[in-house]
């Protein structure tokens, strides 16, 4: 699967643990454009391309470099709602398989932030 576009709205909480150092957590709700494709000329084909709801959470730490600049490191986990689609034999409408999926995306980020 691919998720080329994802949009979310969330809340972030910061807790200062040392001067200029903080821990942060985030929770968000959103939608992502999920692409799944299969092309097997003799077996079956499908193409799924829809916006799917997801929840995301993140944890991390940051350091305030100045009053306006900070740097954050975080781990983010996004879980997409499950969905079902089917595949068909090429040249036919006969269903060959039913696919159930619920993509999960995990990533790490290092960000440089500027506060306006």
N, C-alpha and C. Protein backbone atom coordinates (compact mmCIF):
# COMPACT_ATOMS: atom_id res chain seq x y z
N UNK A 1 0.84 -1.18 0.00
CA UNK A 1 0.00 0.00 0.00
C UNK A 1 0.88 1.25 0.00
N UNK A 2 0.30 2.33 -0.44
CA UNK A 2 0.93 3.66 -0.39
C UNK A 2 -0.08 4.63 0.19
N UNK A 3 0.39 5.60 0.94
CA UNK A 3 -0.47 6.67 1.45
C UNK A 3 0.23 7.98 1.13
N UNK A 4 0.03 8.49 -0.09
CA UNK A 4 0.77 9.68 -0.51
C UNK A 4 0.31 10.98 0.16
N UNK A 5 -0.94 11.01 0.65
CA UNK A 5 -1.47 12.22 1.27
C UNK A 5 -2.22 11.85 2.54
N UNK A 6 -1.93 12.58 3.61
CA UNK A 6 -2.61 12.36 4.88
C UNK A 6 -2.81 13.71 5.56
N UNK A 7 -4.01 13.95 6.06
CA UNK A 7 -4.35 15.18 6.75
C UNK A 7 -4.91 14.83 8.12
N UNK A 8 -4.53 15.60 9.14
CA UNK A 8 -5.00 15.31 10.49
C UNK A 8 -5.09 16.58 11.32
N UNK A 9 -5.94 16.53 12.33
CA UNK A 9 -6.08 17.60 13.31
C UNK A 9 -5.87 16.95 14.67
N UNK A 10 -5.06 17.59 15.51
CA UNK A 10 -4.78 16.96 16.79
C UNK A 10 -4.42 17.96 17.87
N UNK A 11 -4.02 17.39 18.99
CA UNK A 11 -3.59 18.18 20.15
C UNK A 11 -2.23 17.68 20.60
N UNK A 12 -1.39 18.62 21.03
CA UNK A 12 -0.04 18.30 21.50
C UNK A 12 0.11 18.83 22.92
N UNK A 13 0.69 18.02 23.79
CA UNK A 13 0.97 18.43 25.16
C UNK A 13 2.48 18.39 25.38
N UNK A 14 3.01 19.44 26.00
CA UNK A 14 4.44 19.53 26.33
C UNK A 14 4.58 19.57 27.85
N UNK A 15 5.58 18.90 28.37
CA UNK A 15 5.90 18.96 29.80
C UNK A 15 7.39 19.25 29.92
N UNK A 16 7.72 20.38 30.53
CA UNK A 16 9.13 20.73 30.69
C UNK A 16 9.73 19.84 31.78
N UNK A 17 10.84 19.17 31.48
CA UNK A 17 11.47 18.27 32.43
C UNK A 17 12.78 18.83 32.96
N UNK A 18 13.42 19.68 32.19
CA UNK A 18 14.63 20.41 32.58
C UNK A 18 14.55 21.78 31.91
N UNK A 19 15.31 22.74 32.36
CA UNK A 19 15.27 24.02 31.65
C UNK A 19 15.56 23.83 30.15
N UNK A 20 14.63 24.29 29.32
CA UNK A 20 14.71 24.26 27.85
C UNK A 20 14.53 22.86 27.24
N UNK A 21 14.31 21.84 28.06
CA UNK A 21 14.07 20.46 27.57
C UNK A 21 12.65 20.07 27.93
N UNK A 22 11.97 19.38 27.02
CA UNK A 22 10.58 18.99 27.27
C UNK A 22 10.28 17.63 26.63
N UNK A 23 9.26 16.99 27.19
CA UNK A 23 8.69 15.78 26.60
C UNK A 23 7.37 16.19 25.97
N UNK A 24 6.97 15.49 24.90
CA UNK A 24 5.71 15.84 24.25
C UNK A 24 4.96 14.59 23.85
N UNK A 25 3.65 14.72 23.78
CA UNK A 25 2.78 13.66 23.30
C UNK A 25 1.72 14.30 22.42
N UNK A 26 1.24 13.53 21.47
CA UNK A 26 0.27 14.06 20.51
C UNK A 26 -0.77 13.00 20.19
N UNK A 27 -1.99 13.45 19.97
CA UNK A 27 -3.07 12.58 19.50
C UNK A 27 -3.78 13.31 18.38
N UNK A 28 -4.07 12.61 17.28
CA UNK A 28 -4.71 13.26 16.13
C UNK A 28 -5.70 12.32 15.45
N UNK A 29 -6.68 12.92 14.78
CA UNK A 29 -7.64 12.22 13.94
C UNK A 29 -7.52 12.80 12.54
N UNK A 30 -7.64 11.94 11.54
CA UNK A 30 -7.52 12.45 10.18
C UNK A 30 -7.96 11.46 9.13
N UNK A 31 -7.58 11.75 7.91
CA UNK A 31 -7.86 10.89 6.76
C UNK A 31 -6.61 10.82 5.91
N UNK A 32 -6.43 9.65 5.30
CA UNK A 32 -5.31 9.46 4.39
C UNK A 32 -5.79 8.83 3.10
N UNK A 33 -5.14 9.17 2.01
CA UNK A 33 -5.49 8.61 0.70
C UNK A 33 -4.72 7.31 0.53
N UNK A 34 -5.42 6.18 0.65
CA UNK A 34 -4.80 4.86 0.59
C UNK A 34 -4.86 4.31 -0.83
N UNK A 35 -3.71 3.90 -1.35
CA UNK A 35 -3.62 3.26 -2.67
C UNK A 35 -3.15 1.83 -2.49
N UNK A 36 -3.88 0.88 -3.02
CA UNK A 36 -3.46 -0.52 -3.08
C UNK A 36 -3.76 -1.02 -4.48
N UNK A 37 -2.77 -1.63 -5.11
CA UNK A 37 -2.97 -2.15 -6.45
C UNK A 37 -2.33 -3.53 -6.59
N UNK A 38 -2.89 -4.30 -7.50
CA UNK A 38 -2.35 -5.61 -7.85
C UNK A 38 -2.65 -5.83 -9.32
N UNK A 39 -1.66 -6.29 -10.05
CA UNK A 39 -1.86 -6.59 -11.46
C UNK A 39 -1.13 -7.87 -11.80
N UNK A 40 -1.87 -8.95 -11.86
CA UNK A 40 -1.34 -10.26 -12.23
C UNK A 40 -2.12 -10.70 -13.47
N UNK A 41 -1.55 -10.58 -14.66
CA UNK A 41 -2.30 -10.78 -15.90
C UNK A 41 -3.10 -12.08 -15.98
N UNK A 42 -2.67 -13.14 -15.32
CA UNK A 42 -3.41 -14.40 -15.42
C UNK A 42 -4.18 -14.73 -14.15
N UNK A 43 -3.97 -13.98 -13.07
CA UNK A 43 -4.61 -14.33 -11.80
C UNK A 43 -5.74 -13.37 -11.44
N UNK A 44 -5.38 -12.16 -10.98
CA UNK A 44 -6.41 -11.20 -10.59
C UNK A 44 -5.83 -9.80 -10.53
N UNK A 45 -6.74 -8.81 -10.61
CA UNK A 45 -6.36 -7.40 -10.54
C UNK A 45 -7.26 -6.67 -9.56
N UNK A 46 -6.71 -5.65 -8.92
CA UNK A 46 -7.54 -4.72 -8.16
C UNK A 46 -6.84 -3.38 -8.07
N UNK A 47 -7.62 -2.38 -7.83
CA UNK A 47 -7.11 -1.05 -7.60
C UNK A 47 -7.99 -0.37 -6.57
N UNK A 48 -7.43 -0.06 -5.41
CA UNK A 48 -8.15 0.61 -4.34
C UNK A 48 -7.51 1.98 -4.16
N UNK A 49 -8.31 3.04 -4.21
CA UNK A 49 -7.80 4.40 -4.07
C UNK A 49 -8.88 5.22 -3.40
N UNK A 50 -8.87 5.25 -2.06
CA UNK A 50 -9.91 5.97 -1.30
C UNK A 50 -9.30 6.65 -0.09
N UNK A 51 -10.02 7.64 0.40
CA UNK A 51 -9.65 8.31 1.65
C UNK A 51 -10.16 7.48 2.81
N UNK A 52 -9.30 7.15 3.75
CA UNK A 52 -9.63 6.29 4.89
C UNK A 52 -9.30 7.05 6.18
N UNK A 53 -10.19 6.98 7.16
CA UNK A 53 -10.00 7.63 8.46
C UNK A 53 -8.88 6.94 9.24
N UNK A 54 -8.13 7.75 10.00
CA UNK A 54 -7.08 7.17 10.84
C UNK A 54 -6.97 7.93 12.16
N UNK A 55 -6.39 7.26 13.13
CA UNK A 55 -6.00 7.89 14.39
C UNK A 55 -4.48 7.82 14.46
N UNK A 56 -3.89 8.81 15.08
CA UNK A 56 -2.43 8.83 15.19
C UNK A 56 -2.04 9.31 16.58
N UNK A 57 -0.92 8.80 17.06
CA UNK A 57 -0.35 9.29 18.30
C UNK A 57 1.16 9.39 18.12
N UNK A 58 1.76 10.23 18.91
CA UNK A 58 3.21 10.41 18.83
C UNK A 58 3.75 10.72 20.21
N UNK A 59 4.99 10.35 20.43
CA UNK A 59 5.71 10.70 21.66
C UNK A 59 7.09 11.18 21.24
N UNK A 60 7.64 12.09 22.02
CA UNK A 60 8.96 12.59 21.67
C UNK A 60 9.52 13.50 22.73
N UNK A 61 10.62 14.11 22.37
CA UNK A 61 11.31 15.04 23.26
C UNK A 61 11.81 16.20 22.42
N UNK A 62 12.01 17.33 23.09
CA UNK A 62 12.48 18.50 22.36
C UNK A 62 13.37 19.37 23.21
N UNK A 63 14.03 20.27 22.52
CA UNK A 63 14.93 21.22 23.18
C UNK A 63 14.71 22.60 22.56
N UNK A 64 14.46 23.59 23.42
CA UNK A 64 14.30 24.97 22.96
C UNK A 64 15.69 25.56 22.75
N UNK A 65 16.01 25.86 21.50
CA UNK A 65 17.32 26.44 21.17
C UNK A 65 17.36 27.94 21.50
N UNK A 66 16.19 28.58 21.40
CA UNK A 66 16.04 30.01 21.73
C UNK A 66 14.56 30.24 22.01
N UNK A 67 14.15 31.50 22.12
CA UNK A 67 12.73 31.79 22.34
C UNK A 67 11.87 31.40 21.14
N UNK A 68 12.44 31.35 19.94
CA UNK A 68 11.68 31.05 18.73
C UNK A 68 12.03 29.71 18.09
N UNK A 69 13.21 29.22 18.28
CA UNK A 69 13.67 27.99 17.62
C UNK A 69 13.70 26.81 18.59
N UNK A 70 13.28 25.63 18.09
CA UNK A 70 13.38 24.40 18.89
C UNK A 70 13.64 23.24 17.95
N UNK A 71 14.09 22.15 18.52
CA UNK A 71 14.32 20.93 17.76
C UNK A 71 13.61 19.79 18.48
N UNK A 72 12.91 18.95 17.73
CA UNK A 72 12.14 17.83 18.30
C UNK A 72 12.55 16.52 17.64
N UNK A 73 12.51 15.46 18.42
CA UNK A 73 12.65 14.10 17.89
C UNK A 73 11.41 13.34 18.37
N UNK A 74 10.76 12.60 17.45
CA UNK A 74 9.54 11.91 17.85
C UNK A 74 9.32 10.63 17.07
N UNK A 75 8.52 9.77 17.69
CA UNK A 75 8.03 8.54 17.06
C UNK A 75 6.54 8.73 16.84
N UNK A 76 6.06 8.43 15.62
CA UNK A 76 4.64 8.59 15.29
C UNK A 76 4.08 7.25 14.81
N UNK A 77 2.85 6.98 15.24
CA UNK A 77 2.16 5.73 14.89
C UNK A 77 0.76 6.12 14.40
N UNK A 78 0.42 5.73 13.17
CA UNK A 78 -0.91 6.01 12.61
C UNK A 78 -1.57 4.69 12.25
N UNK A 79 -2.80 4.52 12.68
CA UNK A 79 -3.58 3.30 12.42
C UNK A 79 -4.81 3.69 11.61
N UNK A 80 -4.93 3.12 10.42
CA UNK A 80 -6.06 3.41 9.53
C UNK A 80 -7.20 2.43 9.79
N UNK A 81 -8.43 2.92 9.62
CA UNK A 81 -9.60 2.05 9.76
C UNK A 81 -9.52 0.90 8.76
N UNK A 82 -10.13 -0.21 9.11
CA UNK A 82 -10.12 -1.35 8.19
C UNK A 82 -11.10 -1.11 7.04
N UNK A 83 -10.79 -1.70 5.91
CA UNK A 83 -11.64 -1.60 4.74
C UNK A 83 -11.55 -2.90 3.96
N UNK A 84 -12.51 -3.11 3.07
CA UNK A 84 -12.60 -4.34 2.28
C UNK A 84 -12.74 -3.96 0.81
N UNK A 85 -12.02 -4.68 -0.04
CA UNK A 85 -12.23 -4.56 -1.48
C UNK A 85 -11.98 -5.92 -2.12
N UNK A 86 -12.36 -6.06 -3.37
CA UNK A 86 -12.26 -7.36 -4.04
C UNK A 86 -11.40 -7.25 -5.29
N UNK A 87 -10.93 -8.42 -5.74
CA UNK A 87 -10.19 -8.47 -7.00
C UNK A 87 -10.96 -9.36 -7.97
N UNK A 88 -10.72 -9.13 -9.24
CA UNK A 88 -11.40 -9.91 -10.28
C UNK A 88 -10.37 -10.45 -11.27
N UNK A 89 -10.75 -11.54 -11.89
CA UNK A 89 -9.91 -12.11 -12.94
C UNK A 89 -9.90 -11.16 -14.13
N UNK A 90 -8.75 -10.94 -14.75
CA UNK A 90 -8.69 -10.03 -15.90
C UNK A 90 -9.71 -10.41 -16.98
N UNK A 91 -10.46 -9.41 -17.45
CA UNK A 91 -11.45 -9.65 -18.48
C UNK A 91 -12.75 -10.24 -17.97
N UNK A 92 -12.91 -10.30 -16.65
CA UNK A 92 -14.10 -10.91 -16.06
C UNK A 92 -14.53 -10.09 -14.85
N UNK A 93 -15.76 -10.25 -14.46
CA UNK A 93 -16.22 -9.59 -13.23
C UNK A 93 -16.30 -10.57 -12.08
N UNK A 94 -15.85 -11.81 -12.29
CA UNK A 94 -15.89 -12.83 -11.24
C UNK A 94 -14.91 -12.47 -10.13
N UNK A 95 -15.39 -12.43 -8.90
CA UNK A 95 -14.55 -12.11 -7.76
C UNK A 95 -13.61 -13.28 -7.47
N UNK A 96 -12.33 -12.99 -7.39
CA UNK A 96 -11.32 -14.02 -7.13
C UNK A 96 -10.93 -14.03 -5.66
N UNK A 97 -10.83 -12.84 -5.07
CA UNK A 97 -10.45 -12.76 -3.66
C UNK A 97 -11.05 -11.52 -3.02
N UNK A 98 -11.23 -11.58 -1.71
CA UNK A 98 -11.68 -10.44 -0.93
C UNK A 98 -10.51 -10.02 -0.05
N UNK A 99 -10.16 -8.74 -0.11
CA UNK A 99 -9.01 -8.23 0.63
C UNK A 99 -9.51 -7.36 1.77
N UNK A 100 -9.07 -7.68 2.97
CA UNK A 100 -9.34 -6.87 4.16
C UNK A 100 -8.01 -6.28 4.60
N UNK A 101 -8.01 -4.99 4.86
CA UNK A 101 -6.76 -4.35 5.25
C UNK A 101 -7.04 -3.25 6.27
N UNK A 102 -6.05 -2.95 7.07
CA UNK A 102 -6.07 -1.85 8.02
C UNK A 102 -4.62 -1.38 8.16
N UNK A 103 -4.17 -0.53 7.23
CA UNK A 103 -2.77 -0.14 7.24
C UNK A 103 -2.33 0.55 8.53
N UNK A 104 -1.09 0.33 8.88
CA UNK A 104 -0.44 0.99 10.00
C UNK A 104 0.84 1.62 9.48
N UNK A 105 1.07 2.86 9.86
CA UNK A 105 2.28 3.56 9.45
C UNK A 105 3.03 3.98 10.70
N UNK A 106 4.32 3.66 10.74
CA UNK A 106 5.19 4.05 11.86
C UNK A 106 6.37 4.81 11.28
N UNK A 107 6.69 5.94 11.91
CA UNK A 107 7.86 6.66 11.44
C UNK A 107 8.50 7.46 12.57
N UNK A 108 9.71 7.91 12.29
CA UNK A 108 10.48 8.74 13.20
C UNK A 108 10.71 10.08 12.53
N UNK A 109 10.76 11.13 13.31
CA UNK A 109 10.98 12.46 12.73
C UNK A 109 11.92 13.26 13.61
N UNK A 110 12.75 14.04 12.96
CA UNK A 110 13.60 15.03 13.61
C UNK A 110 13.25 16.35 12.95
N UNK A 111 12.70 17.29 13.72
CA UNK A 111 12.19 18.52 13.13
C UNK A 111 12.83 19.74 13.77
N UNK A 112 13.07 20.74 12.95
CA UNK A 112 13.54 22.05 13.40
C UNK A 112 12.33 22.97 13.29
N UNK A 113 11.94 23.60 14.40
CA UNK A 113 10.72 24.39 14.47
C UNK A 113 11.01 25.86 14.71
N UNK A 114 10.19 26.71 14.10
CA UNK A 114 10.27 28.17 14.32
C UNK A 114 8.90 28.65 14.79
N UNK A 115 8.85 29.30 15.91
CA UNK A 115 7.59 29.82 16.47
C UNK A 115 7.43 31.28 16.05
N UNK A 116 6.28 31.60 15.42
CA UNK A 116 6.01 32.96 14.96
C UNK A 116 5.51 33.81 16.08
